[in-house]
Amino acid sequence: MSKFSDNYRFEAKLGLLHFLVDCDYFTDADFNYRNIKITDKFQFQNYTVEGKINFSHPKILPNYTNLYLGFGLSDMNKANFVHTKQAGYMLGIGTALPISRTFSEINVKSVYWTHFWEWKGEIKSEMRRFVVSAYFDIIDLSVTMGVKVGYKFHY
């Protein structure tokens, strides 16, 4: 959650890790909610479901290649026009790099909403269940960059 002056950003994420596992891949699913308000004239909120397939021993792609597929619904209010209840389709690719005591990922995703594009990128590192990442979002013509810090809960 962020709040700088009138700028506001709230994100919530709930995930199922490794619910389908095979020797060559595993699958995760994430349920996301985002609410972004940059000024009084720009508001964006969406609900998305993302699937991540990690190919640990692929034949063509490098090890630890992630493929992202997703679907979402959004509402966007902008200065002169209003887009409501649009569908979005996501496609992305990433890689995970096992580097000494940390596990790092680099991901790039593209979402086509009904009337505009969204581009997302993230560099994430995890160490002892703490997650730190740097990200960018390009929503229509709005650019957001930041740093996230989180904790990964296990069952």
N, C-alpha and C. Protein backbone atom coordinates (compact mmCIF):
# COMPACT_ATOMS: atom_id res chain seq x y z
N MET A 1 0.85 -1.17 0.00
CA MET A 1 0.00 0.00 0.00
C MET A 1 0.89 1.23 0.00
N SER A 2 0.60 2.18 -0.83
CA SER A 2 1.36 3.42 -0.92
C SER A 2 0.41 4.60 -0.84
N LYS A 3 0.90 5.71 -0.28
CA LYS A 3 0.11 6.93 -0.31
C LYS A 3 1.07 8.11 -0.22
N PHE A 4 1.34 8.74 -1.31
CA PHE A 4 2.18 9.92 -1.37
C PHE A 4 1.29 11.05 -1.84
N SER A 5 1.00 11.99 -0.93
CA SER A 5 0.11 13.11 -1.25
C SER A 5 -1.24 12.54 -1.70
N ASP A 6 -1.73 12.94 -2.87
CA ASP A 6 -2.98 12.39 -3.38
C ASP A 6 -2.76 11.12 -4.18
N ASN A 7 -1.52 10.82 -4.54
CA ASN A 7 -1.25 9.58 -5.26
C ASN A 7 -1.48 8.41 -4.31
N TYR A 8 -2.01 7.35 -4.81
CA TYR A 8 -2.41 6.22 -3.98
C TYR A 8 -2.24 4.94 -4.78
N ARG A 9 -1.80 3.88 -4.16
CA ARG A 9 -1.68 2.59 -4.82
C ARG A 9 -1.91 1.51 -3.78
N PHE A 10 -2.83 0.61 -4.05
CA PHE A 10 -3.11 -0.51 -3.16
C PHE A 10 -3.10 -1.78 -3.98
N GLU A 11 -2.37 -2.78 -3.52
CA GLU A 11 -2.32 -4.08 -4.20
C GLU A 11 -2.50 -5.18 -3.18
N ALA A 12 -3.27 -6.18 -3.54
CA ALA A 12 -3.42 -7.38 -2.72
C ALA A 12 -3.27 -8.59 -3.63
N LYS A 13 -2.61 -9.61 -3.12
CA LYS A 13 -2.33 -10.79 -3.94
C LYS A 13 -2.47 -12.04 -3.07
N LEU A 14 -3.17 -13.02 -3.58
CA LEU A 14 -3.31 -14.31 -2.92
C LEU A 14 -2.95 -15.37 -3.94
N GLY A 15 -2.05 -16.27 -3.58
CA GLY A 15 -1.58 -17.23 -4.56
C GLY A 15 -1.61 -18.67 -4.07
N LEU A 16 -1.73 -19.56 -5.02
CA LEU A 16 -1.60 -20.99 -4.78
C LEU A 16 -0.30 -21.43 -5.45
N LEU A 17 0.65 -21.91 -4.67
CA LEU A 17 1.95 -22.28 -5.21
C LEU A 17 2.01 -23.77 -5.50
N HIS A 18 2.50 -24.12 -6.65
CA HIS A 18 2.80 -25.50 -7.05
C HIS A 18 1.60 -26.43 -6.89
N PHE A 19 0.42 -26.00 -7.35
CA PHE A 19 -0.74 -26.88 -7.21
C PHE A 19 -0.77 -27.96 -8.28
N LEU A 20 -0.05 -27.80 -9.36
CA LEU A 20 0.19 -28.87 -10.33
C LEU A 20 1.69 -29.03 -10.47
N VAL A 21 2.19 -30.23 -10.19
CA VAL A 21 3.63 -30.46 -10.21
C VAL A 21 3.94 -31.69 -11.04
N ASP A 22 4.97 -31.57 -11.85
CA ASP A 22 5.48 -32.66 -12.67
C ASP A 22 7.00 -32.55 -12.61
N CYS A 23 7.70 -33.52 -13.15
CA CYS A 23 9.17 -33.46 -13.14
C CYS A 23 9.71 -32.29 -13.96
N ASP A 24 8.99 -31.90 -15.01
CA ASP A 24 9.49 -30.86 -15.91
C ASP A 24 8.87 -29.50 -15.70
N TYR A 25 7.81 -29.36 -14.93
CA TYR A 25 7.18 -28.06 -14.73
C TYR A 25 6.38 -28.05 -13.44
N PHE A 26 6.04 -26.84 -12.99
CA PHE A 26 5.06 -26.67 -11.92
C PHE A 26 4.22 -25.45 -12.24
N THR A 27 3.03 -25.39 -11.64
CA THR A 27 2.07 -24.35 -11.96
C THR A 27 1.65 -23.61 -10.69
N ASP A 28 1.60 -22.28 -10.78
CA ASP A 28 1.11 -21.42 -9.70
C ASP A 28 -0.09 -20.63 -10.21
N ALA A 29 -0.91 -20.16 -9.32
CA ALA A 29 -2.03 -19.29 -9.68
C ALA A 29 -2.07 -18.13 -8.69
N ASP A 30 -2.28 -16.93 -9.20
CA ASP A 30 -2.38 -15.73 -8.37
C ASP A 30 -3.70 -15.02 -8.63
N PHE A 31 -4.31 -14.54 -7.56
CA PHE A 31 -5.51 -13.73 -7.63
C PHE A 31 -5.11 -12.34 -7.15
N ASN A 32 -5.26 -11.33 -8.00
CA ASN A 32 -4.76 -9.99 -7.70
C ASN A 32 -5.88 -8.96 -7.69
N TYR A 33 -5.72 -7.95 -6.84
CA TYR A 33 -6.59 -6.78 -6.84
C TYR A 33 -5.68 -5.56 -6.76
N ARG A 34 -5.91 -4.59 -7.63
CA ARG A 34 -5.14 -3.35 -7.62
C ARG A 34 -6.09 -2.16 -7.70
N ASN A 35 -5.77 -1.12 -6.94
CA ASN A 35 -6.52 0.12 -6.97
C ASN A 35 -5.50 1.25 -7.04
N ILE A 36 -5.45 1.96 -8.16
CA ILE A 36 -4.47 3.01 -8.38
C ILE A 36 -5.20 4.32 -8.63
N LYS A 37 -4.83 5.36 -7.91
CA LYS A 37 -5.41 6.69 -8.12
C LYS A 37 -4.24 7.66 -8.20
N ILE A 38 -3.95 8.16 -9.39
CA ILE A 38 -2.81 9.05 -9.56
C ILE A 38 -3.21 10.49 -9.32
N THR A 39 -4.32 10.93 -9.86
CA THR A 39 -4.88 12.24 -9.56
C THR A 39 -6.39 12.05 -9.47
N ASP A 40 -7.10 13.13 -9.30
CA ASP A 40 -8.56 13.01 -9.25
C ASP A 40 -9.14 12.59 -10.60
N LYS A 41 -8.37 12.78 -11.67
CA LYS A 41 -8.89 12.48 -12.99
C LYS A 41 -8.45 11.11 -13.51
N PHE A 42 -7.55 10.43 -12.83
CA PHE A 42 -7.08 9.13 -13.29
C PHE A 42 -7.26 8.11 -12.18
N GLN A 43 -8.14 7.15 -12.39
CA GLN A 43 -8.34 6.06 -11.44
C GLN A 43 -8.36 4.77 -12.22
N PHE A 44 -7.76 3.74 -11.64
CA PHE A 44 -7.68 2.45 -12.31
C PHE A 44 -7.78 1.38 -11.24
N GLN A 45 -8.71 0.48 -11.40
CA GLN A 45 -8.77 -0.67 -10.49
C GLN A 45 -9.06 -1.91 -11.31
N ASN A 46 -8.46 -3.02 -10.90
CA ASN A 46 -8.71 -4.26 -11.64
C ASN A 46 -8.60 -5.48 -10.75
N TYR A 47 -9.20 -6.53 -11.25
CA TYR A 47 -9.15 -7.86 -10.63
C TYR A 47 -8.59 -8.79 -11.69
N THR A 48 -7.54 -9.53 -11.37
CA THR A 48 -6.96 -10.43 -12.36
C THR A 48 -6.69 -11.80 -11.75
N VAL A 49 -6.72 -12.79 -12.60
CA VAL A 49 -6.30 -14.15 -12.26
C VAL A 49 -5.15 -14.48 -13.20
N GLU A 50 -4.01 -14.83 -12.62
CA GLU A 50 -2.82 -15.14 -13.41
C GLU A 50 -2.38 -16.56 -13.15
N GLY A 51 -2.01 -17.25 -14.20
CA GLY A 51 -1.42 -18.56 -14.09
C GLY A 51 0.04 -18.48 -14.49
N LYS A 52 0.89 -19.15 -13.74
CA LYS A 52 2.32 -19.16 -14.05
C LYS A 52 2.75 -20.61 -14.19
N ILE A 53 3.34 -20.92 -15.33
CA ILE A 53 3.90 -22.25 -15.55
C ILE A 53 5.41 -22.10 -15.59
N ASN A 54 6.11 -22.78 -14.70
CA ASN A 54 7.57 -22.73 -14.66
C ASN A 54 8.10 -24.02 -15.26
N PHE A 55 8.82 -23.88 -16.36
CA PHE A 55 9.44 -25.04 -17.00
C PHE A 55 10.84 -25.20 -16.45
N SER A 56 11.06 -26.19 -15.57
CA SER A 56 12.36 -26.34 -14.94
C SER A 56 13.35 -27.11 -15.82
N HIS A 57 12.86 -27.93 -16.73
CA HIS A 57 13.75 -28.68 -17.63
C HIS A 57 13.20 -28.66 -19.05
N PRO A 58 13.08 -27.48 -19.64
CA PRO A 58 12.51 -27.43 -20.99
C PRO A 58 13.52 -27.92 -22.04
N LYS A 59 13.02 -28.28 -23.17
CA LYS A 59 13.89 -28.76 -24.24
C LYS A 59 14.41 -27.61 -25.08
N ILE A 60 13.60 -26.53 -25.26
CA ILE A 60 13.98 -25.43 -26.14
C ILE A 60 14.41 -24.20 -25.35
N LEU A 61 13.66 -23.83 -24.30
CA LEU A 61 13.90 -22.62 -23.54
C LEU A 61 14.94 -22.85 -22.45
N PRO A 62 15.58 -21.79 -21.94
CA PRO A 62 16.54 -21.96 -20.85
C PRO A 62 15.84 -22.45 -19.57
N ASN A 63 16.60 -23.02 -18.65
CA ASN A 63 16.04 -23.49 -17.39
C ASN A 63 15.33 -22.37 -16.65
N TYR A 64 14.33 -22.73 -15.88
CA TYR A 64 13.55 -21.82 -15.05
C TYR A 64 12.87 -20.72 -15.88
N THR A 65 12.29 -21.09 -16.98
CA THR A 65 11.52 -20.15 -17.79
C THR A 65 10.08 -20.13 -17.29
N ASN A 66 9.54 -18.93 -17.06
CA ASN A 66 8.17 -18.76 -16.60
C ASN A 66 7.31 -18.26 -17.75
N LEU A 67 6.15 -18.86 -17.93
CA LEU A 67 5.17 -18.39 -18.89
C LEU A 67 3.95 -17.94 -18.10
N TYR A 68 3.47 -16.71 -18.34
CA TYR A 68 2.34 -16.14 -17.63
C TYR A 68 1.15 -16.02 -18.58
N LEU A 69 0.00 -16.49 -18.14
CA LEU A 69 -1.25 -16.32 -18.87
C LEU A 69 -2.27 -15.81 -17.87
N GLY A 70 -3.11 -14.88 -18.28
CA GLY A 70 -4.06 -14.34 -17.32
C GLY A 70 -5.26 -13.69 -17.97
N PHE A 71 -6.22 -13.39 -17.11
CA PHE A 71 -7.45 -12.74 -17.52
C PHE A 71 -7.86 -11.80 -16.40
N GLY A 72 -8.49 -10.68 -16.75
CA GLY A 72 -8.91 -9.75 -15.71
C GLY A 72 -10.06 -8.86 -16.14
N LEU A 73 -10.60 -8.15 -15.16
CA LEU A 73 -11.64 -7.14 -15.38
C LEU A 73 -11.15 -5.84 -14.76
N SER A 74 -11.45 -4.71 -15.41
CA SER A 74 -10.98 -3.44 -14.86
C SER A 74 -12.00 -2.34 -15.05
N ASP A 75 -11.83 -1.30 -14.25
CA ASP A 75 -12.54 -0.04 -14.39
C ASP A 75 -11.48 1.04 -14.48
N MET A 76 -11.62 1.95 -15.43
CA MET A 76 -10.67 3.04 -15.57
C MET A 76 -11.43 4.33 -15.85
N ASN A 77 -11.15 5.35 -15.07
CA ASN A 77 -11.73 6.69 -15.29
C ASN A 77 -10.59 7.62 -15.63
N LYS A 78 -10.70 8.32 -16.72
CA LYS A 78 -9.66 9.23 -17.15
C LYS A 78 -10.29 10.56 -17.52
N ALA A 79 -9.50 11.59 -17.67
CA ALA A 79 -9.97 12.97 -17.84
C ALA A 79 -11.17 13.12 -18.77
N ASN A 80 -11.06 12.78 -20.03
CA ASN A 80 -12.14 13.06 -20.98
C ASN A 80 -12.96 11.84 -21.37
N PHE A 81 -12.58 10.65 -20.93
CA PHE A 81 -13.34 9.47 -21.32
C PHE A 81 -13.35 8.46 -20.18
N VAL A 82 -14.32 7.59 -20.21
CA VAL A 82 -14.50 6.62 -19.15
C VAL A 82 -14.57 5.23 -19.77
N HIS A 83 -13.75 4.33 -19.28
CA HIS A 83 -13.82 2.92 -19.69
C HIS A 83 -14.28 2.14 -18.46
N THR A 84 -15.35 1.43 -18.58
CA THR A 84 -15.82 0.66 -17.44
C THR A 84 -15.99 -0.79 -17.82
N LYS A 85 -15.76 -1.64 -16.88
CA LYS A 85 -15.96 -3.07 -17.02
C LYS A 85 -15.38 -3.62 -18.32
N GLN A 86 -14.06 -3.46 -18.47
CA GLN A 86 -13.38 -4.00 -19.64
C GLN A 86 -12.71 -5.31 -19.28
N ALA A 87 -12.60 -6.17 -20.25
CA ALA A 87 -11.87 -7.43 -20.09
C ALA A 87 -10.43 -7.21 -20.52
N GLY A 88 -9.52 -7.94 -19.91
CA GLY A 88 -8.11 -7.87 -20.26
C GLY A 88 -7.51 -9.25 -20.36
N TYR A 89 -6.56 -9.39 -21.29
CA TYR A 89 -5.89 -10.67 -21.51
C TYR A 89 -4.40 -10.46 -21.35
N MET A 90 -3.76 -11.30 -20.54
CA MET A 90 -2.36 -11.12 -20.21
C MET A 90 -1.50 -12.23 -20.78
N LEU A 91 -0.31 -11.85 -21.24
CA LEU A 91 0.70 -12.78 -21.70
C LEU A 91 2.03 -12.26 -21.19
N GLY A 92 2.86 -13.13 -20.67
CA GLY A 92 4.15 -12.68 -20.16
C GLY A 92 5.17 -13.80 -20.15
N ILE A 93 6.41 -13.39 -19.95
CA ILE A 93 7.51 -14.35 -19.88
C ILE A 93 8.49 -13.87 -18.83
N GLY A 94 9.18 -14.78 -18.22
CA GLY A 94 10.16 -14.42 -17.20
C GLY A 94 11.16 -15.53 -17.03
N THR A 95 12.13 -15.27 -16.20
CA THR A 95 13.12 -16.28 -15.89
C THR A 95 13.50 -16.17 -14.42
N ALA A 96 13.85 -17.27 -13.84
CA ALA A 96 14.29 -17.32 -12.45
C ALA A 96 15.77 -17.67 -12.44
N LEU A 97 16.52 -16.94 -11.65
CA LEU A 97 17.97 -17.14 -11.60
C LEU A 97 18.38 -17.58 -10.20
N PRO A 98 18.82 -18.82 -10.03
CA PRO A 98 19.31 -19.23 -8.71
C PRO A 98 20.71 -18.64 -8.47
N ILE A 99 20.78 -17.64 -7.60
CA ILE A 99 22.04 -16.97 -7.30
C ILE A 99 22.32 -17.16 -5.81
N SER A 100 23.46 -17.72 -5.47
CA SER A 100 23.83 -18.05 -4.09
C SER A 100 22.73 -17.87 -3.08
N ARG A 101 22.48 -17.80 -2.09
CA ARG A 101 21.46 -17.75 -1.06
C ARG A 101 20.17 -17.00 -1.40
N THR A 102 20.03 -16.48 -2.57
CA THR A 102 18.80 -15.79 -2.95
C THR A 102 18.22 -16.45 -4.18
N PHE A 103 16.98 -16.17 -4.45
CA PHE A 103 16.31 -16.66 -5.64
C PHE A 103 15.70 -15.46 -6.33
N SER A 104 16.20 -15.11 -7.51
CA SER A 104 15.78 -13.90 -8.20
C SER A 104 14.95 -14.23 -9.43
N GLU A 105 14.00 -13.36 -9.75
CA GLU A 105 13.17 -13.51 -10.94
C GLU A 105 13.12 -12.19 -11.70
N ILE A 106 13.05 -12.31 -13.02
CA ILE A 106 12.85 -11.16 -13.89
C ILE A 106 11.63 -11.49 -14.74
N ASN A 107 10.61 -10.63 -14.70
CA ASN A 107 9.35 -10.89 -15.41
C ASN A 107 8.92 -9.67 -16.22
N VAL A 108 8.36 -9.92 -17.39
CA VAL A 108 7.77 -8.88 -18.22
C VAL A 108 6.41 -9.40 -18.68
N LYS A 109 5.36 -8.58 -18.48
CA LYS A 109 4.00 -8.98 -18.83
C LYS A 109 3.33 -7.87 -19.63
N SER A 110 2.45 -8.27 -20.52
CA SER A 110 1.68 -7.33 -21.32
C SER A 110 0.20 -7.69 -21.17
N VAL A 111 -0.63 -6.67 -20.93
CA VAL A 111 -2.07 -6.89 -20.78
C VAL A 111 -2.78 -6.03 -21.82
N TYR A 112 -3.64 -6.64 -22.61
CA TYR A 112 -4.45 -5.89 -23.54
C TYR A 112 -5.85 -5.75 -22.96
N TRP A 113 -6.16 -4.55 -22.47
CA TRP A 113 -7.51 -4.25 -22.01
C TRP A 113 -8.31 -3.84 -23.25
N THR A 114 -9.60 -3.71 -23.14
CA THR A 114 -10.45 -3.44 -24.29
C THR A 114 -10.04 -2.19 -25.06
N HIS A 115 -9.63 -1.11 -24.36
CA HIS A 115 -9.33 0.15 -25.03
C HIS A 115 -7.89 0.63 -24.88
N PHE A 116 -7.04 -0.09 -24.20
CA PHE A 116 -5.66 0.36 -24.01
C PHE A 116 -4.77 -0.83 -23.62
N TRP A 117 -3.46 -0.58 -23.62
CA TRP A 117 -2.47 -1.58 -23.24
C TRP A 117 -1.89 -1.25 -21.88
N GLU A 118 -1.47 -2.30 -21.18
CA GLU A 118 -0.72 -2.14 -19.93
C GLU A 118 0.52 -3.01 -20.03
N TRP A 119 1.65 -2.46 -19.62
CA TRP A 119 2.93 -3.18 -19.62
C TRP A 119 3.44 -3.23 -18.19
N LYS A 120 3.92 -4.39 -17.76
CA LYS A 120 4.42 -4.55 -16.40
C LYS A 120 5.78 -5.24 -16.45
N GLY A 121 6.65 -4.85 -15.54
CA GLY A 121 7.94 -5.51 -15.42
C GLY A 121 8.35 -5.54 -13.96
N GLU A 122 9.12 -6.56 -13.59
CA GLU A 122 9.51 -6.70 -12.20
C GLU A 122 10.81 -7.47 -12.09
N ILE A 123 11.67 -7.01 -11.19
CA ILE A 123 12.86 -7.75 -10.79
C ILE A 123 12.67 -8.04 -9.31
N LYS A 124 12.64 -9.33 -8.96
CA LYS A 124 12.26 -9.73 -7.61
C LYS A 124 13.33 -10.64 -7.03
N SER A 125 13.63 -10.47 -5.75
CA SER A 125 14.59 -11.32 -5.06
C SER A 125 13.98 -11.79 -3.74
N GLU A 126 14.17 -13.05 -3.44
CA GLU A 126 13.61 -13.64 -2.21
C GLU A 126 14.74 -14.24 -1.39
N MET A 127 14.72 -13.93 -0.08
CA MET A 127 15.72 -14.49 0.83
C MET A 127 15.06 -14.74 2.17
N ARG A 128 15.01 -15.99 2.56
CA ARG A 128 14.38 -16.39 3.83
C ARG A 128 12.96 -15.86 3.96
N ARG A 129 12.16 -16.06 2.96
CA ARG A 129 10.75 -15.67 2.90
C ARG A 129 10.49 -14.18 2.78
N PHE A 130 11.50 -13.33 2.84
CA PHE A 130 11.33 -11.91 2.59
C PHE A 130 11.53 -11.66 1.10
N VAL A 131 10.64 -10.86 0.53
CA VAL A 131 10.68 -10.59 -0.90
C VAL A 131 10.83 -9.09 -1.12
N VAL A 132 11.80 -8.72 -1.95
CA VAL A 132 12.03 -7.32 -2.31
C VAL A 132 12.01 -7.26 -3.83
N SER A 133 11.28 -6.28 -4.38
CA SER A 133 11.23 -6.18 -5.84
C SER A 133 11.17 -4.72 -6.28
N ALA A 134 11.69 -4.49 -7.47
CA ALA A 134 11.56 -3.21 -8.15
C ALA A 134 10.66 -3.47 -9.34
N TYR A 135 9.71 -2.56 -9.60
CA TYR A 135 8.73 -2.81 -10.65
C TYR A 135 8.45 -1.55 -11.45
N PHE A 136 7.84 -1.74 -12.60
CA PHE A 136 7.29 -0.63 -13.36
C PHE A 136 5.96 -1.06 -13.94
N ASP A 137 5.05 -0.11 -14.08
CA ASP A 137 3.75 -0.29 -14.72
C ASP A 137 3.57 0.85 -15.71
N ILE A 138 3.19 0.53 -16.92
CA ILE A 138 2.81 1.55 -17.89
C ILE A 138 1.35 1.26 -18.23
N ILE A 139 0.46 2.11 -17.73
CA ILE A 139 -0.97 1.95 -17.95
C ILE A 139 -1.40 3.07 -18.88
N ASP A 140 -1.78 2.71 -20.10
CA ASP A 140 -2.10 3.70 -21.12
C ASP A 140 -0.88 4.60 -21.29
N LEU A 141 -0.93 5.85 -20.87
CA LEU A 141 0.23 6.74 -20.98
C LEU A 141 0.80 7.12 -19.62
N SER A 142 0.41 6.44 -18.56
CA SER A 142 0.84 6.71 -17.21
C SER A 142 1.94 5.73 -16.81
N VAL A 143 3.04 6.20 -16.27
CA VAL A 143 4.15 5.35 -15.86
C VAL A 143 4.28 5.38 -14.35
N THR A 144 4.37 4.21 -13.74
CA THR A 144 4.56 4.08 -12.30
C THR A 144 5.77 3.19 -12.06
N MET A 145 6.65 3.62 -11.16
CA MET A 145 7.81 2.82 -10.79
C MET A 145 7.89 2.80 -9.27
N GLY A 146 8.42 1.72 -8.72
CA GLY A 146 8.51 1.65 -7.28
C GLY A 146 9.24 0.43 -6.78
N VAL A 147 9.24 0.31 -5.46
CA VAL A 147 9.88 -0.81 -4.77
C VAL A 147 8.84 -1.43 -3.85
N LYS A 148 8.78 -2.76 -3.83
CA LYS A 148 7.85 -3.47 -2.95
C LYS A 148 8.66 -4.34 -1.99
N VAL A 149 8.16 -4.45 -0.77
CA VAL A 149 8.75 -5.33 0.23
C VAL A 149 7.63 -6.19 0.79
N GLY A 150 7.86 -7.49 0.89
CA GLY A 150 6.80 -8.37 1.36
C GLY A 150 7.35 -9.58 2.08
N TYR A 151 6.44 -10.38 2.57
CA TYR A 151 6.78 -11.61 3.28
C TYR A 151 5.99 -12.74 2.65
N LYS A 152 6.63 -13.85 2.41
CA LYS A 152 6.00 -15.00 1.79
C LYS A 152 5.63 -16.01 2.87
N PHE A 153 4.32 -16.22 3.07
CA PHE A 153 3.85 -17.15 4.07
C PHE A 153 3.80 -18.55 3.47
N HIS A 154 4.14 -19.54 4.26
CA HIS A 154 4.07 -20.93 3.85
C HIS A 154 3.12 -21.68 4.77
N TYR A 155 2.57 -22.74 4.27
CA TYR A 155 1.66 -23.53 5.11
C TYR A 155 2.43 -24.59 5.85
